[in-house]
Amino acid sequence: MGKLKDRYIRFDWAIKRMLRDKANFAVLEGLLTVLFEDKTQIVEILESEGNQLAETDKFNRVDIKAKNSKGEIILVEVQNTREVYYLERILYGVAKTITEHISLGESYGNIKKVYSISIVYFDLGKGNDYLYHGQNRFIGVHTSDELQISTKQEDAILPKYPREIFPEYYIIRVNEFDKVAKTPLEEWVNYLKTGEIEPDTKTPGLSEAREKLKYYSMTPGERYAYDEHLNAIMIQNDVLSTAKLEGLTEGRAEGRAEGRAEGIAEGRAKGLAEGRAEAILATARNLKSMGFPTEDISRATGLTIEDILNILR
């Protein structure tokens, strides 16, 4: 029998199960080095919500929280399915991390810079790029210059830019990547999307991943759990897509009917608005009938849990 061709484990599974091991830090360090364009060394993995291994959390979101050699904190998150208030949750996660890592009564000078990296596999919105970067810069409204703050450091007054202190955000829109991978960053995003790694890659982290993240190096039990993880992702995405399509179809039909009944611009606008609302309600009903938990329905539709309980009684 011929040798089985290497398959590589998806990154979301790896950060949940493998990349928290110090022996495997080189994989994550490679991604961060390529993304930041600066050599990054991980000192330790910190406690985070993504350490949970509950069945309900196995396919939706996983994360890892690390401290680098500069004492900064890096949040890496993989989100597999759509979440309505995703940006708000990123902001909350960063704010929570900042406050968790400064003790009551400590000087504000001990606040750590936080980097938030989101690897998303759903349609986050409109945009032509697969990688977006955001950070705080204070720009003069009339002069367009960037504000520098004078700060005391080691008994000296030094200038510092707010962007050196405030969090930075990276969003990798995996499904938007459609290039032939030529740069280290493109090789990484291609792996995130396809699970493929070139056999002769010299990209930081990926050469280590080729050795440490082989599918056939896992035990039969680990492979079974991993395959179930992939099935759960595919099933949830399919269910959500179907529910959304059915909800939109039903809502649009009601919206058009309402618009025709009114026969005027006001009626059409009202019909469209009500149609959209009905689309959301129809999606919620479909998800409920398929057995989805109320919390998941809330994330998928943007409705509050209280609204969902009232609607679906």
Protein backbone atom coordinates (compact mmCIF):
# COMPACT_ATOMS: atom_id res chain seq x y z
CA MET A 1 0.00 0.00 0.00
CA GLY A 2 1.33 3.48 -0.93
CA LYS A 3 2.12 6.04 1.69
CA LEU A 4 -0.83 8.21 2.68
CA LYS A 5 -0.53 11.77 1.43
CA ASP A 6 -0.07 14.26 4.25
CA ARG A 7 -3.11 16.20 5.38
CA TYR A 8 -2.75 19.09 7.77
CA ILE A 9 -4.98 19.93 10.70
CA ARG A 10 -7.12 23.09 10.54
CA PHE A 11 -5.73 26.01 12.48
CA ASP A 12 -8.79 26.40 14.73
CA TRP A 13 -8.42 22.81 15.94
CA ALA A 14 -4.69 23.25 16.36
CA ILE A 15 -4.95 26.34 18.58
CA LYS A 16 -7.52 24.58 20.73
CA ARG A 17 -5.63 21.34 21.17
CA MET A 18 -1.98 21.62 20.12
CA LEU A 19 -0.56 25.13 19.84
CA ARG A 20 -0.95 25.73 23.58
CA ASP A 21 1.92 23.27 24.10
CA LYS A 22 5.28 25.06 24.45
CA ALA A 23 6.83 22.52 22.09
CA ASN A 24 4.54 23.84 19.34
CA PHE A 25 4.90 27.59 19.97
CA ALA A 26 6.95 27.95 16.76
CA VAL A 27 3.82 27.53 14.62
CA LEU A 28 1.97 30.43 16.24
CA GLU A 29 5.16 32.49 16.44
CA GLY A 30 5.52 32.07 12.68
CA LEU A 31 2.05 33.44 11.97
CA LEU A 32 2.63 36.42 14.26
CA THR A 33 6.07 37.12 12.80
CA VAL A 34 4.64 37.18 9.27
CA LEU A 35 1.60 39.25 10.24
CA PHE A 36 3.51 41.84 12.31
CA GLU A 37 6.54 41.80 9.99
CA ASP A 38 8.63 41.53 13.15
CA LYS A 39 10.20 38.54 14.87
CA THR A 40 7.76 37.46 17.58
CA GLN A 41 8.50 35.11 20.43
CA ILE A 42 5.79 33.61 22.66
CA VAL A 43 6.69 33.40 26.35
CA GLU A 44 3.53 31.75 27.65
CA ILE A 45 -0.07 30.91 26.85
CA LEU A 46 -2.50 32.67 29.17
CA GLU A 47 -5.88 31.56 30.41
CA SER A 48 -8.69 32.30 27.91
CA GLU A 49 -12.29 31.38 27.12
CA GLY A 50 -11.07 29.23 24.23
CA ASN A 51 -9.69 26.67 26.69
CA GLN A 52 -13.23 25.34 27.04
CA LEU A 53 -13.76 21.99 25.34
CA ALA A 54 -17.55 21.83 25.68
CA GLU A 55 -19.50 20.25 22.83
CA THR A 56 -21.48 23.45 22.26
CA ASP A 57 -18.23 25.39 21.78
CA LYS A 58 -16.45 22.88 19.55
CA PHE A 59 -17.18 24.44 16.18
CA ASN A 60 -18.23 28.05 16.59
CA ARG A 61 -15.29 29.96 18.08
CA VAL A 62 -11.89 29.14 19.48
CA ASP A 63 -9.23 31.47 20.76
CA ILE A 64 -5.79 31.62 22.29
CA LYS A 65 -4.26 34.32 24.49
CA ALA A 66 -0.49 34.65 24.60
CA LYS A 67 2.18 36.92 26.05
CA ASN A 68 5.15 37.80 23.86
CA SER A 69 8.75 38.57 24.82
CA LYS A 70 7.89 42.28 25.10
CA GLY A 71 5.20 41.59 27.71
CA GLU A 72 2.43 42.45 25.25
CA ILE A 73 -0.71 40.33 25.01
CA ILE A 74 -1.89 38.77 21.76
CA LEU A 75 -5.41 37.47 21.23
CA VAL A 76 -5.86 35.08 18.29
CA GLU A 77 -9.42 34.05 17.49
CA VAL A 78 -10.97 31.85 14.84
CA GLN A 79 -14.68 32.40 14.16
CA ASN A 80 -16.35 29.81 11.95
CA THR A 81 -19.91 31.08 11.76
CA ARG A 82 -21.58 34.45 11.45
CA GLU A 83 -22.07 36.57 14.54
CA VAL A 84 -24.14 39.73 14.28
CA TYR A 85 -22.27 41.82 16.84
CA TYR A 86 -18.80 40.53 16.00
CA LEU A 87 -16.98 43.87 16.14
CA GLU A 88 -18.58 44.69 19.46
CA ARG A 89 -17.43 41.36 20.86
CA ILE A 90 -13.87 41.96 19.64
CA LEU A 91 -13.88 45.30 21.46
CA TYR A 92 -15.27 43.71 24.63
CA GLY A 93 -12.66 40.96 24.54
CA VAL A 94 -9.80 43.44 24.23
CA ALA A 95 -11.15 45.70 26.98
CA LYS A 96 -11.64 42.70 29.27
CA THR A 97 -8.10 41.51 28.61
CA ILE A 98 -6.62 44.92 29.42
CA THR A 99 -8.41 45.13 32.76
CA GLU A 100 -7.62 41.50 33.64
CA HIS A 101 -3.91 42.14 33.32
CA ILE A 102 -3.57 45.15 35.60
CA SER A 103 -4.13 44.81 39.32
CA LEU A 104 -6.25 47.21 41.34
CA GLY A 105 -4.08 50.08 42.52
CA GLU A 106 -1.33 49.52 39.94
CA SER A 107 -0.02 52.44 37.90
CA TYR A 108 -1.65 52.91 34.51
CA GLY A 109 1.88 52.71 33.16
CA ASN A 110 1.64 48.94 33.70
CA ILE A 111 -1.16 48.52 31.16
CA LYS A 112 -0.11 46.08 28.46
CA LYS A 113 -0.57 46.66 24.77
CA VAL A 114 -3.01 44.18 23.24
CA TYR A 115 -3.11 42.83 19.69
CA SER A 116 -6.38 41.29 18.50
CA ILE A 117 -6.20 38.92 15.52
CA SER A 118 -9.48 37.63 14.11
CA ILE A 119 -9.49 34.82 11.55
CA VAL A 120 -13.03 34.75 10.18
CA TYR A 121 -14.65 32.21 7.89
CA PHE A 122 -17.90 34.07 7.24
CA ASP A 123 -19.04 37.12 5.31
CA LEU A 124 -18.10 39.91 7.71
CA GLY A 125 -19.13 42.69 5.33
CA LYS A 126 -17.95 44.58 2.27
CA GLY A 127 -14.30 45.06 1.41
CA ASN A 128 -11.90 44.12 -1.36
CA ASP A 129 -9.01 42.84 0.76
CA TYR A 130 -8.53 39.67 2.77
CA LEU A 131 -6.52 41.42 5.50
CA TYR A 132 -7.50 44.57 7.41
CA HIS A 133 -5.54 46.36 10.12
CA GLY A 134 -6.83 49.00 12.53
CA GLN A 135 -5.18 51.04 15.27
CA ASN A 136 -5.74 54.27 17.16
CA ARG A 137 -4.11 57.36 15.71
CA PHE A 138 -4.98 60.87 16.91
CA ILE A 139 -4.89 63.16 13.87
CA GLY A 140 -5.23 66.95 13.95
CA VAL A 141 -8.61 68.01 12.57
CA HIS A 142 -7.15 71.14 10.99
CA THR A 143 -3.44 70.32 10.71
CA SER A 144 -3.56 66.58 9.87
CA ASP A 145 -0.52 65.92 12.05
CA GLU A 146 -0.34 62.95 14.41
CA LEU A 147 -0.42 63.73 18.13
CA GLN A 148 2.61 62.81 20.23
CA ILE A 149 2.28 62.44 23.99
CA SER A 150 5.12 63.28 26.38
CA THR A 151 5.54 60.45 28.85
CA LYS A 152 7.97 59.71 31.69
CA GLN A 153 10.01 56.58 31.23
CA GLU A 154 13.12 55.60 33.24
CA ASP A 155 13.47 59.13 34.64
CA ALA A 156 13.34 60.68 31.17
CA ILE A 157 10.58 62.48 29.31
CA LEU A 158 10.08 60.73 25.97
CA PRO A 159 7.60 61.25 23.14
CA LYS A 160 5.13 58.44 22.51
CA TYR A 161 2.38 57.96 19.95
CA PRO A 162 -1.05 56.79 21.17
CA ARG A 163 -0.86 53.92 18.65
CA GLU A 164 2.07 52.54 20.66
CA ILE A 165 -0.26 52.08 23.63
CA PHE A 166 -3.75 51.48 22.27
CA PRO A 167 -4.80 48.05 20.97
CA GLU A 168 -4.26 46.99 17.37
CA TYR A 169 -6.73 44.89 15.43
CA TYR A 170 -6.14 42.52 12.53
CA ILE A 171 -9.01 40.86 10.65
CA ILE A 172 -8.17 38.05 8.23
CA ARG A 173 -11.14 37.34 5.93
CA VAL A 174 -10.12 33.84 4.93
CA ASN A 175 -12.84 33.19 2.34
CA GLU A 176 -11.88 36.36 0.43
CA PHE A 177 -8.40 35.05 -0.37
CA ASP A 178 -8.26 33.88 -4.00
CA LYS A 179 -4.65 34.44 -5.02
CA VAL A 180 -1.76 32.15 -5.88
CA ALA A 181 0.30 32.28 -2.69
CA LYS A 182 3.62 33.98 -3.37
CA THR A 183 4.44 35.86 -0.16
CA PRO A 184 4.80 34.39 3.36
CA LEU A 185 1.54 36.07 4.39
CA GLU A 186 -0.28 34.66 1.37
CA GLU A 187 1.09 31.18 2.15
CA TRP A 188 -0.29 31.47 5.67
CA VAL A 189 -3.73 32.65 4.55
CA ASN A 190 -3.82 29.89 1.93
CA TYR A 191 -3.16 27.35 4.68
CA LEU A 192 -5.89 28.90 6.85
CA LYS A 193 -8.32 28.55 3.94
CA THR A 194 -7.35 25.19 2.40
CA GLY A 195 -5.20 23.38 4.95
CA GLU A 196 -2.50 23.05 2.29
CA ILE A 197 1.21 23.66 2.93
CA GLU A 198 3.85 23.61 0.21
CA PRO A 199 6.41 20.83 0.79
CA ASP A 200 9.37 23.18 0.30
CA THR A 201 7.97 26.15 2.25
CA LYS A 202 10.39 28.41 4.11
CA THR A 203 7.61 30.53 5.62
CA PRO A 204 7.99 30.97 9.40
CA GLY A 205 5.63 28.63 11.25
CA LEU A 206 4.48 26.64 8.23
CA SER A 207 7.60 24.51 8.01
CA GLU A 208 7.02 23.60 11.68
CA ALA A 209 3.33 23.02 11.01
CA ARG A 210 4.21 20.48 8.30
CA GLU A 211 5.85 18.35 10.98
CA LYS A 212 3.61 19.02 13.97
CA LEU A 213 0.12 19.28 12.43
CA LYS A 214 -0.08 16.16 10.29
CA TYR A 215 -3.51 14.56 10.27
CA TYR A 216 -2.16 11.02 10.10
CA SER A 217 0.15 11.61 13.06
CA MET A 218 -2.88 11.80 15.36
CA THR A 219 -4.20 8.74 17.15
CA PRO A 220 -7.39 7.14 15.75
CA GLY A 221 -9.34 8.69 18.62
CA GLU A 222 -7.94 12.16 17.93
CA ARG A 223 -8.69 11.80 14.20
CA TYR A 224 -12.28 10.81 14.99
CA ALA A 225 -12.75 13.87 17.24
CA TYR A 226 -11.21 16.10 14.56
CA ASP A 227 -13.44 14.68 11.80
CA GLU A 228 -16.49 15.25 14.01
CA HIS A 229 -15.33 18.85 14.47
CA LEU A 230 -15.24 19.37 10.69
CA ASN A 231 -18.65 17.76 10.29
CA ALA A 232 -20.11 20.04 12.96
CA ILE A 233 -18.78 23.12 11.15
CA MET A 234 -20.21 22.02 7.79
CA ILE A 235 -23.59 21.08 9.26
CA GLN A 236 -23.98 24.35 11.17
CA ASN A 237 -22.97 26.46 8.17
CA ASP A 238 -25.42 24.55 5.97
CA VAL A 239 -28.25 24.87 8.49
CA LEU A 240 -27.64 28.59 8.98
CA SER A 241 -27.48 29.21 5.22
CA THR A 242 -30.71 27.26 4.65
CA ALA A 243 -32.53 29.01 7.49
CA LYS A 244 -31.37 32.41 6.28
CA LEU A 245 -32.48 31.70 2.71
CA GLU A 246 -35.89 30.45 3.83
CA GLY A 247 -36.33 33.44 6.13
CA LEU A 248 -35.37 35.94 3.45
CA THR A 249 -37.66 34.32 0.88
CA GLU A 250 -40.63 34.40 3.25
CA GLY A 251 -39.89 37.95 4.38
CA ARG A 252 -39.46 39.31 0.87
CA ALA A 253 -42.75 37.76 -0.22
CA GLU A 254 -44.59 39.40 2.66
CA GLY A 255 -42.79 42.67 2.03
CA ARG A 256 -43.82 42.73 -1.64
CA ALA A 257 -47.40 41.87 -0.75
CA GLU A 258 -47.56 44.69 1.77
CA GLY A 259 -46.06 47.12 -0.73
CA ARG A 260 -48.63 46.23 -3.42
CA ALA A 261 -51.48 46.57 -0.94
CA GLU A 262 -50.52 50.11 -0.08
CA GLY A 263 -49.84 51.01 -3.69
CA ILE A 264 -47.75 54.04 -2.76
CA ALA A 265 -44.13 54.75 -1.81
CA GLU A 266 -44.96 54.75 1.86
CA GLY A 267 -46.54 51.32 1.55
CA ARG A 268 -43.56 49.91 -0.29
CA ALA A 269 -41.15 51.23 2.32
CA LYS A 270 -43.26 49.87 5.12
CA GLY A 271 -43.62 46.54 3.35
CA LEU A 272 -39.92 46.25 2.82
CA ALA A 273 -39.17 47.08 6.47
CA GLU A 274 -41.75 44.61 7.71
CA GLY A 275 -40.50 42.05 5.22
CA ARG A 276 -37.01 42.34 6.58
CA ALA A 277 -38.28 41.99 10.12
CA GLU A 278 -40.29 38.94 9.15
CA ALA A 279 -37.21 37.46 7.48
CA ILE A 280 -35.37 37.63 10.79
CA LEU A 281 -38.30 36.10 12.66
CA ALA A 282 -38.64 33.33 10.06
CA THR A 283 -34.94 32.56 10.39
CA ALA A 284 -35.31 32.38 14.19
CA ARG A 285 -38.28 30.00 13.86
CA ASN A 286 -36.38 27.78 11.44
CA LEU A 287 -33.35 27.58 13.69
CA LYS A 288 -35.55 26.80 16.70
CA SER A 289 -37.32 24.00 14.82
CA MET A 290 -33.90 22.55 13.95
CA GLY A 291 -33.02 22.36 17.63
CA PHE A 292 -30.55 25.25 17.89
CA PRO A 293 -30.00 26.69 21.40
CA THR A 294 -31.50 30.11 22.09
CA GLU A 295 -28.01 31.63 22.51
CA ASP A 296 -26.99 30.48 19.01
CA ILE A 297 -30.21 31.83 17.51
CA SER A 298 -29.52 35.18 19.17
CA ARG A 299 -26.01 35.32 17.66
CA ALA A 300 -27.28 34.36 14.20
CA THR A 301 -30.21 36.81 14.04
CA GLY A 302 -29.25 39.70 16.31
CA LEU A 303 -32.42 39.23 18.37
CA THR A 304 -32.16 39.33 22.14
CA ILE A 305 -32.73 36.12 24.09
CA GLU A 306 -35.83 37.72 25.67
CA ASP A 307 -37.25 38.56 22.23
CA ILE A 308 -36.62 35.03 21.02
CA LEU A 309 -38.35 33.49 24.03
CA ASN A 310 -41.36 35.77 23.53
CA ILE A 311 -41.58 35.11 19.79
CA LEU A 312 -41.16 31.35 19.92
CA ARG A 313 -43.52 30.54 22.78
